[in-house]
Amino acid sequence: MKRVLLVYPGYIVREQPLNILYIAAAVKAAGHAAAFFEVTPYRKRPLTGDPFRVMKAAFAAKVESFRPDVVGFSVMSVNYTISAVLAGVVREKAPGALTIFGGIHPTIAPEETIGDPRVDILCRGEGEGAMIELLAALDAGAGYASIGGLWVKRGPEITRNPLRPLLQDIDTLPFPDRGIMDPGRLQAELYGINMLTSRGCPFPCSYCQNEFLMGIYDGLGKFVRYRSIDNVFAEIDEVIARFKPSRISFSDESFTLNKKRLREFCERYARRFSIPFLCQTRPDLVDAETVRVLRDGGCDFMNMAIEAGNPKIRNAVLQRNISTEQIVTAFTEAHRHGIRTGSFNMIGLPGETMATVRDTIDLNRRLQPDRIMCTVYMPFHGTKLGEECLAEGWLEHPIDDAEIYYTNITTRHPTIPGRRLFGYQGFFDYYVRLPKAFHPLIHVVRWIYELLPRTSYSLPPLIRAAREGIISFVYNMKRFLPSRGFFMKTR
């Protein structure tokens, strides 16, 4: 039996990290021990000295008490710095343990990842099978350098194994091990517990890594795979019995993609469960009949991505291929059937001007979603649009620290000053919720807000803390904006 410490280096706010919970379940099902460490309690960093020292001390104590043989990190680009810092702690406190980086960042940037001296192994793509093979090899004292999906570093030598075929029967996976987490993290997304009923998204949006993933998995199995409804319902039964959530949140990227399956799912769900559910999907996959099926099935909240209010930005730049009329129909029908809505939006996109930023605000004003999220665009590796922007020199600060995701401007936009993007991101909800007669006042407050540093990158700790406090105040004041009687912190 091997001991595996699994690390989630991001902040658990909207939903639980199912990817690493699936790995934990697979590890335990194979007869090994697993423990979990996450960094959300250490989001507020010390005002003096090493900003990571409290996090590192807590992690060091976990490593020393658990004594892992393997320490696995689920790594996104925005939490690479924290992952590397904590991997350094493993080197110090458990030098005999293997560090393995998995997740989207090692998948899209494997050479950069395996080149880090703190990384022994990386896993590209789905990790359950590779992790179990690795642990079996370690248990048997056998070699593991040839395991599919892994890149293995032994001194100066690196073995780069090809990807494993995609797991086609995802019913064979054990349910995510939610018990490994602090129970307080299981009520994240609108007070629900999230789960997946499928894997894979078929849409090649230019700002998303799906097109890259479909490319590297070409010929390695069907990309979009569904769990059986019976399997999903068995997981819901377990979740309700153990954790008693107030709702279920389905994290599938396009929950309404398969209309036949959706109808069967919702009809059976309504007969079996009384707990409401949340889902997310694309507006072009929603019509009046779809909304009726969802409502009758128990759905009371839908998240949908608008991204850009300007059709040219949305379709020519982002490759969404969704019309404004489809967006209006989706949100209108949801509200007409009593389903609350959330919108995802981005500003600071390539080709963006202040006129197109206002188009996004105006479309949200027209739709009045119950929940609004707005980010400033970041050019991620592994995305078509991101690679173009990176080649053009957009990036000013590394996208490797989770603090930056919502309220830090890492890019130099060709036509819109970074401070302006920072201000409009912070006050996006205000422009949407309040009547236009209030907009001159919002402009004034926003101009003052824009005096803050537009990024926390390399700021002295006291200034960073002051900036964070002001941003939190602006966000918390959103609870007083006119709405449908519902507030959720959107940062």
Protein backbone atom coordinates (compact mmCIF):
# COMPACT_ATOMS: atom_id res chain seq x y z
CA MET A 1 0.00 0.00 0.00
CA LYS A 2 1.26 3.45 -0.92
CA ARG A 3 0.39 6.77 0.70
CA VAL A 4 -0.74 9.52 -1.67
CA LEU A 5 -1.14 13.16 -0.69
CA LEU A 6 -3.31 15.01 -3.21
CA VAL A 7 -2.99 18.79 -3.42
CA TYR A 8 -5.46 21.25 -4.89
CA PRO A 9 -3.53 24.54 -5.17
CA GLY A 10 -6.51 26.67 -6.26
CA TYR A 11 -9.18 28.40 -4.22
CA ILE A 12 -12.41 26.44 -3.78
CA VAL A 13 -15.12 29.04 -4.26
CA ARG A 14 -17.59 28.09 -7.00
CA GLU A 15 -17.37 24.32 -7.00
CA GLN A 16 -15.46 21.37 -5.67
CA PRO A 17 -12.38 20.15 -7.62
CA LEU A 18 -13.89 16.97 -9.01
CA ASN A 19 -10.78 16.05 -11.01
CA ILE A 20 -8.68 15.48 -7.90
CA LEU A 21 -11.60 13.92 -5.99
CA TYR A 22 -11.89 11.33 -8.78
CA ILE A 23 -8.18 10.60 -8.41
CA ALA A 24 -8.61 10.21 -4.64
CA ALA A 25 -11.43 7.74 -5.15
CA ALA A 26 -9.41 5.72 -7.66
CA VAL A 27 -6.41 5.65 -5.31
CA LYS A 28 -8.51 4.34 -2.43
CA ALA A 29 -10.36 1.83 -4.62
CA ALA A 30 -6.98 0.36 -5.55
CA GLY A 31 -6.19 -0.18 -1.88
CA HIS A 32 -3.91 2.78 -1.20
CA ALA A 33 -4.20 5.56 1.38
CA ALA A 34 -5.05 9.10 0.29
CA ALA A 35 -5.09 12.47 2.03
CA PHE A 36 -6.01 15.92 0.76
CA PHE A 37 -4.58 19.43 1.13
CA GLU A 38 -6.07 22.63 -0.29
CA VAL A 39 -5.01 26.24 0.01
CA THR A 40 -8.30 28.12 0.39
CA PRO A 41 -7.76 28.75 4.14
CA TYR A 42 -4.48 30.51 3.29
CA ARG A 43 -5.81 32.87 0.62
CA LYS A 44 -5.06 35.91 2.81
CA ARG A 45 -1.31 36.08 2.83
CA PRO A 46 0.92 37.52 5.57
CA LEU A 47 1.59 41.26 5.45
CA THR A 48 5.30 40.83 6.04
CA GLY A 49 7.97 38.36 5.03
CA ASP A 50 7.41 35.37 2.77
CA PRO A 51 3.78 35.67 1.53
CA PHE A 52 3.51 31.87 1.33
CA ARG A 53 4.97 31.06 4.73
CA VAL A 54 1.70 30.25 6.54
CA MET A 55 0.58 28.04 3.67
CA LYS A 56 3.98 26.35 3.51
CA ALA A 57 4.03 25.73 7.27
CA ALA A 58 0.59 24.12 7.20
CA PHE A 59 1.56 22.00 4.21
CA ALA A 60 4.86 20.98 5.80
CA ALA A 61 2.96 19.78 8.87
CA LYS A 62 0.63 17.76 6.62
CA VAL A 63 3.55 16.18 4.78
CA GLU A 64 5.36 15.32 8.02
CA SER A 65 2.27 13.77 9.63
CA PHE A 66 1.02 11.83 6.59
CA ARG A 67 4.44 10.72 5.28
CA PRO A 68 3.42 10.34 1.62
CA ASP A 69 5.12 8.20 -1.00
CA VAL A 70 3.56 10.26 -3.79
CA VAL A 71 2.37 13.87 -3.76
CA GLY A 72 0.04 14.72 -6.65
CA PHE A 73 -0.87 18.27 -7.68
CA SER A 74 -3.83 19.26 -9.86
CA VAL A 75 -2.33 22.21 -11.71
CA MET A 76 -3.93 24.99 -13.72
CA SER A 77 -1.90 27.85 -15.17
CA VAL A 78 -3.26 30.28 -12.59
CA ASN A 79 -2.02 28.19 -9.68
CA TYR A 80 1.32 27.04 -11.03
CA THR A 81 3.29 29.27 -8.64
CA ILE A 82 1.58 27.84 -5.56
CA SER A 83 2.03 24.30 -6.91
CA ALA A 84 5.76 24.83 -7.40
CA VAL A 85 6.17 26.45 -3.97
CA LEU A 86 4.48 23.51 -2.26
CA ALA A 87 6.41 20.99 -4.34
CA GLY A 88 9.53 22.64 -2.93
CA VAL A 89 8.23 21.86 0.56
CA VAL A 90 7.92 18.20 -0.44
CA ARG A 91 11.55 18.23 -1.55
CA GLU A 92 12.53 19.51 1.89
CA LYS A 93 10.24 17.50 4.17
CA ALA A 94 9.85 14.24 2.22
CA PRO A 95 12.78 13.97 -0.19
CA GLY A 96 11.95 10.35 -0.96
CA ALA A 97 8.43 11.15 -2.17
CA LEU A 98 7.63 11.49 -5.86
CA THR A 99 5.99 14.73 -6.96
CA ILE A 100 3.56 14.39 -9.86
CA PHE A 101 1.90 17.33 -11.62
CA GLY A 102 -1.35 16.60 -13.46
CA GLY A 103 -4.18 18.70 -14.83
CA ILE A 104 -4.61 21.10 -17.71
CA HIS A 105 -1.33 23.02 -17.35
CA PRO A 106 0.98 19.98 -17.56
CA THR A 107 -1.17 18.72 -20.43
CA ILE A 108 -0.77 21.86 -22.54
CA ALA A 109 2.74 22.86 -21.35
CA PRO A 110 4.52 19.57 -20.62
CA GLU A 111 8.07 20.68 -21.46
CA GLU A 112 7.85 23.70 -19.17
CA THR A 113 6.40 21.56 -16.39
CA ILE A 114 8.81 18.64 -16.55
CA GLY A 115 11.70 21.10 -16.70
CA ASP A 116 10.90 22.31 -13.20
CA PRO A 117 13.40 20.69 -10.79
CA ARG A 118 10.63 20.23 -8.24
CA VAL A 119 8.64 17.94 -10.58
CA ASP A 120 9.48 14.23 -10.92
CA ILE A 121 6.56 13.11 -13.07
CA LEU A 122 3.81 14.80 -15.04
CA CYS A 123 0.54 13.29 -16.23
CA ARG A 124 -0.99 14.44 -19.50
CA GLY A 125 -4.74 14.06 -19.88
CA GLU A 126 -7.00 11.88 -17.75
CA GLY A 127 -5.13 10.64 -14.73
CA GLU A 128 -7.02 7.86 -12.96
CA GLY A 129 -5.54 4.97 -14.93
CA ALA A 130 -2.00 6.36 -14.99
CA MET A 131 -2.00 7.01 -11.24
CA ILE A 132 -3.19 3.49 -10.42
CA GLU A 133 -0.56 1.94 -12.68
CA LEU A 134 2.12 4.10 -11.07
CA LEU A 135 1.12 3.07 -7.56
CA ALA A 136 0.96 -0.59 -8.56
CA ALA A 137 4.48 -0.37 -9.96
CA LEU A 138 5.77 1.33 -6.82
CA ASP A 139 4.08 -1.31 -4.66
CA ALA A 140 5.74 -4.06 -6.66
CA GLY A 141 9.11 -2.35 -6.77
CA ALA A 142 8.86 -2.35 -10.56
CA GLY A 143 9.80 0.28 -13.12
CA TYR A 144 7.27 2.93 -14.03
CA ALA A 145 9.02 4.95 -16.72
CA SER A 146 6.94 3.46 -19.56
CA ILE A 147 3.43 4.05 -18.15
CA GLY A 148 1.15 5.64 -20.74
CA GLY A 149 0.25 9.27 -20.12
CA LEU A 150 3.25 9.93 -17.86
CA TRP A 151 6.42 11.87 -18.51
CA VAL A 152 9.04 10.58 -16.09
CA LYS A 153 12.25 12.35 -15.12
CA ARG A 154 15.16 10.37 -13.71
CA GLY A 155 18.14 12.69 -13.34
CA PRO A 156 18.81 14.34 -16.71
CA GLU A 157 16.80 11.68 -18.58
CA ILE A 158 13.13 12.26 -19.41
CA THR A 159 10.83 9.56 -20.77
CA ARG A 160 7.93 11.08 -22.69
CA ASN A 161 5.21 8.47 -23.01
CA PRO A 162 2.25 8.93 -25.37
CA LEU A 163 -1.23 9.75 -24.15
CA ARG A 164 -3.47 6.97 -22.92
CA PRO A 165 -6.69 6.37 -24.87
CA LEU A 166 -9.67 8.19 -23.40
CA LEU A 167 -11.66 6.09 -20.95
CA GLN A 168 -14.86 5.29 -22.84
CA ASP A 169 -16.95 3.66 -20.10
CA ILE A 170 -16.80 6.34 -17.42
CA ASP A 171 -19.35 4.41 -15.34
CA THR A 172 -16.38 2.27 -14.28
CA LEU A 173 -14.91 5.14 -12.27
CA PRO A 174 -15.66 5.24 -8.54
CA PHE A 175 -17.61 8.29 -7.40
CA PRO A 176 -15.49 11.30 -6.39
CA ASP A 177 -14.24 10.98 -2.82
CA ARG A 178 -15.91 14.04 -1.27
CA GLY A 179 -15.26 12.71 2.22
CA ILE A 180 -11.59 13.59 1.84
CA MET A 181 -12.47 17.30 1.90
CA ASP A 182 -13.43 19.69 4.67
CA PRO A 183 -17.27 19.51 4.73
CA GLY A 184 -17.36 23.31 4.62
CA ARG A 185 -16.09 23.19 1.02
CA LEU A 186 -19.01 21.03 -0.15
CA GLN A 187 -21.50 23.88 -0.26
CA ALA A 188 -19.77 26.10 -2.76
CA GLU A 189 -21.88 26.69 -5.89
CA LEU A 190 -25.15 28.25 -4.74
CA TYR A 191 -25.10 26.01 -1.68
CA GLY A 192 -25.01 22.81 -3.72
CA ILE A 193 -22.73 19.85 -4.35
CA ASN A 194 -21.43 19.59 -7.88
CA MET A 195 -20.98 16.53 -10.06
CA LEU A 196 -20.39 15.58 -13.69
CA THR A 197 -22.70 13.46 -15.83
CA SER A 198 -20.34 13.50 -18.81
CA ARG A 199 -16.79 14.24 -19.91
CA GLY A 200 -15.71 16.35 -22.87
CA CYS A 201 -17.10 19.34 -24.77
CA PRO A 202 -17.29 19.31 -28.59
CA PHE A 203 -17.20 23.07 -29.21
CA PRO A 204 -13.91 24.64 -30.45
CA CYS A 205 -14.23 28.11 -28.88
CA SER A 206 -11.00 30.01 -29.53
CA TYR A 207 -10.46 31.04 -25.88
CA CYS A 208 -10.88 27.51 -24.48
CA GLN A 209 -8.53 24.54 -24.42
CA ASN A 210 -11.14 22.09 -25.74
CA GLU A 211 -9.93 22.39 -29.34
CA PHE A 212 -6.37 21.61 -28.21
CA LEU A 213 -7.57 18.61 -26.20
CA MET A 214 -9.65 17.29 -29.09
CA GLY A 215 -6.57 17.59 -31.27
CA ILE A 216 -4.19 15.65 -29.04
CA TYR A 217 -6.84 12.97 -28.42
CA ASP A 218 -7.70 12.54 -32.08
CA GLY A 219 -7.87 8.79 -32.73
CA LEU A 220 -7.76 7.92 -29.02
CA GLY A 221 -11.47 7.43 -28.46
CA LYS A 222 -14.72 9.33 -28.46
CA PHE A 223 -14.15 12.74 -26.88
CA VAL A 224 -17.64 13.38 -25.43
CA ARG A 225 -18.68 10.53 -23.15
CA TYR A 226 -21.79 10.16 -21.00
CA ARG A 227 -22.36 8.34 -17.75
CA SER A 228 -25.47 6.20 -17.61
CA ILE A 229 -28.39 7.85 -15.86
CA ASP A 230 -28.52 5.00 -13.34
CA ASN A 231 -24.87 5.62 -12.46
CA VAL A 232 -25.47 9.36 -11.98
CA PHE A 233 -28.53 8.71 -9.82
CA ALA A 234 -26.58 6.29 -7.64
CA GLU A 235 -24.06 9.07 -6.99
CA ILE A 236 -26.86 11.51 -6.17
CA ASP A 237 -28.31 8.99 -3.71
CA GLU A 238 -24.92 8.74 -2.00
CA VAL A 239 -24.43 12.50 -1.91
CA ILE A 240 -27.88 13.15 -0.44
CA ALA A 241 -27.50 10.43 2.18
CA ARG A 242 -24.03 11.58 3.29
CA PHE A 243 -24.06 15.35 2.88
CA LYS A 244 -27.74 16.48 2.64
CA PRO A 245 -27.14 19.33 0.17
CA SER A 246 -29.82 21.87 -0.63
CA ARG A 247 -29.28 21.35 -4.37
CA ILE A 248 -27.22 19.44 -6.90
CA SER A 249 -25.03 21.37 -9.32
CA PHE A 250 -24.16 19.70 -12.63
CA SER A 251 -20.80 20.95 -13.90
CA ASP A 252 -21.07 19.56 -17.45
CA GLU A 253 -20.04 22.29 -19.85
CA SER A 254 -23.06 21.70 -22.12
CA PHE A 255 -25.69 19.94 -20.03
CA THR A 256 -28.40 20.27 -22.73
CA LEU A 257 -26.26 19.01 -25.64
CA ASN A 258 -28.03 15.66 -26.03
CA LYS A 259 -31.75 16.47 -26.06
CA LYS A 260 -32.96 12.86 -25.99
CA ARG A 261 -30.82 12.04 -22.98
CA LEU A 262 -31.82 15.33 -21.31
CA ARG A 263 -35.51 14.49 -21.59
CA GLU A 264 -35.05 11.01 -20.10
CA PHE A 265 -32.77 12.36 -17.39
CA CYS A 266 -35.20 15.09 -16.30
CA GLU A 267 -38.29 12.87 -16.41
CA ARG A 268 -36.60 10.26 -14.23
CA TYR A 269 -34.99 12.87 -11.94
CA ALA A 270 -38.38 14.44 -11.15
CA ARG A 271 -39.84 11.07 -10.20
CA ARG A 272 -36.91 10.16 -7.95
CA PHE A 273 -35.63 13.37 -6.33
CA SER A 274 -37.21 16.45 -4.79
CA ILE A 275 -33.96 18.41 -4.46
CA PRO A 276 -33.55 21.13 -7.16
CA PHE A 277 -30.56 21.22 -9.47
CA LEU A 278 -28.39 23.77 -11.25
CA CYS A 279 -26.84 23.24 -14.67
CA GLN A 280 -24.79 25.14 -17.20
CA THR A 281 -25.00 25.13 -20.97
CA ARG A 282 -24.70 27.21 -24.14
CA PRO A 283 -27.52 29.58 -25.11
CA ASP A 284 -27.76 28.03 -28.59
CA LEU A 285 -28.62 24.71 -26.95
CA VAL A 286 -31.66 26.19 -25.22
CA ASP A 287 -35.17 26.76 -26.53
CA ALA A 288 -38.64 26.88 -25.01
CA GLU A 289 -39.05 23.09 -25.05
CA THR A 290 -35.63 22.54 -23.46
CA VAL A 291 -36.43 25.00 -20.69
CA ARG A 292 -39.78 23.34 -20.03
CA VAL A 293 -38.07 19.94 -19.76
CA LEU A 294 -35.52 21.37 -17.34
CA ARG A 295 -38.14 23.12 -15.20
CA ASP A 296 -40.34 20.05 -14.99
CA GLY A 297 -37.30 17.99 -14.13
CA GLY A 298 -36.33 20.13 -11.14
CA CYS A 299 -33.88 22.68 -12.55
CA ASP A 300 -34.14 26.06 -10.82
CA PHE A 301 -30.94 27.74 -12.05
CA MET A 302 -29.04 27.83 -15.36
CA ASN A 303 -25.59 29.29 -16.00
CA MET A 304 -24.97 30.36 -19.60
CA ALA A 305 -22.00 32.10 -21.19
CA ILE A 306 -22.66 35.31 -23.09
CA GLU A 307 -18.95 36.21 -23.07
CA ALA A 308 -19.34 39.18 -25.44
CA GLY A 309 -22.35 41.30 -26.25
CA ASN A 310 -20.95 42.33 -29.63
CA PRO A 311 -21.72 39.67 -32.28
CA LYS A 312 -18.45 40.20 -34.16
CA ILE A 313 -16.34 39.73 -31.01
CA ARG A 314 -18.46 36.79 -29.88
CA ASN A 315 -18.40 34.92 -33.17
CA ALA A 316 -15.45 36.07 -35.29
CA VAL A 317 -13.01 36.36 -32.37
CA LEU A 318 -14.27 33.85 -29.81
CA GLN A 319 -15.71 31.42 -32.39
CA ARG A 320 -18.84 30.95 -30.31
CA ASN A 321 -21.19 30.94 -33.35
CA ILE A 322 -24.12 32.03 -31.20
CA SER A 323 -26.45 34.80 -32.29
CA THR A 324 -27.77 37.55 -30.05
CA GLU A 325 -31.27 36.29 -30.78
CA GLN A 326 -30.36 32.84 -29.45
CA ILE A 327 -28.98 34.38 -26.26
CA VAL A 328 -32.10 36.51 -25.75
CA THR A 329 -34.34 33.51 -26.37
CA ALA A 330 -32.46 31.31 -23.88
CA PHE A 331 -32.55 33.83 -21.04
CA THR A 332 -36.11 34.98 -21.78
CA GLU A 333 -37.49 31.44 -21.83
CA ALA A 334 -35.66 30.55 -18.63
CA HIS A 335 -37.16 33.54 -16.81
CA ARG A 336 -40.59 32.87 -18.33
CA HIS A 337 -40.51 29.35 -16.89
CA GLY A 338 -39.29 30.48 -13.47
CA ILE A 339 -35.67 29.34 -13.81
CA ARG A 340 -33.05 31.76 -12.51
CA THR A 341 -30.06 32.49 -14.70
CA GLY A 342 -26.38 33.32 -14.43
CA SER A 343 -24.29 34.91 -17.16
CA PHE A 344 -20.56 34.60 -17.80
CA ASN A 345 -18.89 37.55 -19.52
CA MET A 346 -15.41 38.67 -20.56
CA ILE A 347 -14.02 42.09 -21.41
CA GLY A 348 -10.63 43.14 -22.75
CA LEU A 349 -10.81 40.72 -25.67
CA PRO A 350 -8.86 41.05 -28.93
CA GLY A 351 -10.64 43.55 -31.14
CA GLU A 352 -12.41 45.02 -28.11
CA THR A 353 -13.16 48.72 -27.80
CA MET A 354 -15.06 50.59 -25.14
CA ALA A 355 -18.05 50.46 -27.48
CA THR A 356 -18.00 46.65 -27.46
CA VAL A 357 -17.54 46.59 -23.67
CA ARG A 358 -20.73 48.65 -23.48
CA ASP A 359 -22.40 46.16 -25.86
CA THR A 360 -21.75 43.43 -23.29
CA ILE A 361 -23.12 45.61 -20.50
CA ASP A 362 -26.18 46.53 -22.57
CA LEU A 363 -26.98 42.91 -23.42
CA ASN A 364 -26.82 41.99 -19.74
CA ARG A 365 -29.01 45.00 -18.95
CA ARG A 366 -31.55 43.69 -21.43
CA LEU A 367 -31.46 40.14 -20.02
CA GLN A 368 -31.03 40.95 -16.31
CA PRO A 369 -29.52 37.61 -15.25
CA ASP A 370 -29.95 36.73 -11.60
CA ARG A 371 -26.21 36.31 -11.24
CA ILE A 372 -23.53 38.09 -13.25
CA MET A 373 -19.89 37.13 -13.58
CA CYS A 374 -17.35 39.21 -15.48
CA THR A 375 -13.65 38.57 -15.97
CA VAL A 376 -10.92 40.32 -17.92
CA TYR A 377 -9.61 38.14 -20.72
CA MET A 378 -6.39 36.22 -20.11
CA PRO A 379 -4.45 34.59 -22.98
CA PHE A 380 -3.91 31.01 -21.89
CA HIS A 381 -1.52 28.61 -23.58
CA GLY A 382 -3.29 25.79 -25.38
CA THR A 383 -6.00 28.08 -26.75
CA LYS A 384 -6.04 29.36 -30.32
CA LEU A 385 -6.77 32.93 -29.27
CA GLY A 386 -4.34 32.84 -26.37
CA GLU A 387 -1.44 31.67 -28.51
CA GLU A 388 -2.10 34.49 -30.99
CA CYS A 389 -2.15 37.10 -28.21
CA LEU A 390 0.97 35.69 -26.57
CA ALA A 391 2.78 35.81 -29.91
CA GLU A 392 1.79 39.47 -30.23
CA GLY A 393 3.26 40.28 -26.80
CA TRP A 394 0.06 40.88 -24.87
CA LEU A 395 1.22 39.34 -21.59
CA GLU A 396 2.78 41.69 -19.03
CA HIS A 397 2.67 39.44 -15.96
CA PRO A 398 2.78 35.64 -15.71
CA ILE A 399 -0.59 33.90 -15.41
CA ASP A 400 0.67 31.61 -12.68
CA ASP A 401 -0.83 32.86 -9.42
CA ALA A 402 -4.46 32.19 -8.48
CA GLU A 403 -4.79 35.61 -6.86
CA ILE A 404 -4.90 37.20 -10.28
CA TYR A 405 -7.79 35.42 -11.94
CA TYR A 406 -10.66 37.86 -11.49
CA THR A 407 -9.31 41.22 -10.42
CA ASN A 408 -5.82 41.50 -11.86
CA ILE A 409 -4.96 42.73 -15.33
CA THR A 410 -2.08 40.70 -16.71
CA THR A 411 -2.23 41.91 -20.31
CA ARG A 412 -1.49 45.07 -22.25
CA HIS A 413 -4.55 45.62 -24.43
CA PRO A 414 -3.85 47.45 -27.70
CA THR A 415 -6.69 49.99 -27.35
CA ILE A 416 -8.08 49.93 -23.79
CA PRO A 417 -5.90 50.96 -20.81
CA GLY A 418 -5.52 48.27 -18.16
CA ARG A 419 -6.92 50.52 -15.46
CA ARG A 420 -10.07 51.05 -17.50
CA LEU A 421 -10.57 47.28 -17.83
CA PHE A 422 -9.93 46.88 -14.11
CA GLY A 423 -12.58 49.50 -13.34
CA TYR A 424 -15.23 48.13 -15.65
CA GLN A 425 -14.66 44.60 -14.41
CA GLY A 426 -15.17 45.74 -10.81
CA PHE A 427 -18.28 47.80 -11.57
CA PHE A 428 -19.80 45.63 -14.29
CA ASP A 429 -22.76 44.63 -12.09
CA TYR A 430 -23.39 48.25 -11.14
CA TYR A 431 -23.73 49.28 -14.77
CA VAL A 432 -26.07 46.35 -15.43
CA ARG A 433 -28.29 46.63 -12.36
CA LEU A 434 -28.70 50.37 -11.89
CA PRO A 435 -30.74 52.69 -14.16
CA LYS A 436 -28.72 54.68 -16.68
CA ALA A 437 -29.48 57.84 -14.71
CA PHE A 438 -27.00 56.50 -12.12
CA HIS A 439 -24.23 55.83 -14.64
CA PRO A 440 -22.55 59.25 -14.30
CA LEU A 441 -22.19 58.58 -10.56
CA ILE A 442 -20.86 55.08 -11.25
CA HIS A 443 -18.31 56.63 -13.62
CA VAL A 444 -17.02 58.88 -10.85
CA VAL A 445 -16.71 56.06 -8.32
CA ARG A 446 -15.11 53.83 -10.92
CA TRP A 447 -12.50 56.51 -11.76
CA ILE A 448 -11.53 56.61 -8.08
CA TYR A 449 -11.40 52.80 -7.97
CA GLU A 450 -9.09 52.83 -10.98
CA LEU A 451 -6.47 54.66 -8.92
CA LEU A 452 -5.73 51.28 -7.31
CA PRO A 453 -2.89 49.24 -8.82
CA ARG A 454 -4.42 47.22 -11.65
CA THR A 455 -2.58 44.10 -10.52
CA SER A 456 -1.36 42.71 -7.22
CA TYR A 457 1.67 41.25 -8.97
CA SER A 458 4.86 42.08 -6.98
CA LEU A 459 3.06 44.61 -4.75
CA PRO A 460 4.39 45.15 -1.20
CA PRO A 461 2.23 43.10 1.20
CA LEU A 462 0.57 46.07 2.93
CA ILE A 463 -0.41 47.70 -0.36
CA ARG A 464 -1.66 44.37 -1.67
CA ALA A 465 -3.79 43.90 1.44
CA ALA A 466 -5.22 47.42 1.14
CA ARG A 467 -6.04 46.80 -2.52
CA GLU A 468 -7.72 43.52 -1.65
CA GLY A 469 -9.78 45.17 1.08
CA ILE A 470 -11.11 47.87 -1.25
CA ILE A 471 -11.96 45.34 -3.96
CA SER A 472 -13.80 43.17 -1.44
CA PHE A 473 -15.80 46.19 -0.30
CA VAL A 474 -16.84 46.96 -3.87
CA TYR A 475 -17.89 43.35 -4.40
CA ASN A 476 -19.78 43.05 -1.13
CA MET A 477 -21.74 46.23 -1.87
CA LYS A 478 -23.27 44.41 -4.82
CA ARG A 479 -25.67 42.77 -2.40
CA PHE A 480 -27.53 46.10 -2.26
CA LEU A 481 -28.03 46.39 -6.02
CA PRO A 482 -31.53 45.87 -7.42
CA SER A 483 -31.96 42.22 -8.37
CA ARG A 484 -34.40 39.35 -8.22
CA GLY A 485 -33.85 39.01 -4.50
CA PHE A 486 -30.75 36.89 -4.88
CA PHE A 487 -27.10 37.66 -4.17
CA MET A 488 -23.97 35.63 -4.48
CA LYS A 489 -20.46 36.94 -4.31
CA THR A 490 -19.18 36.78 -7.87
CA ARG A 491 -15.47 36.98 -7.26
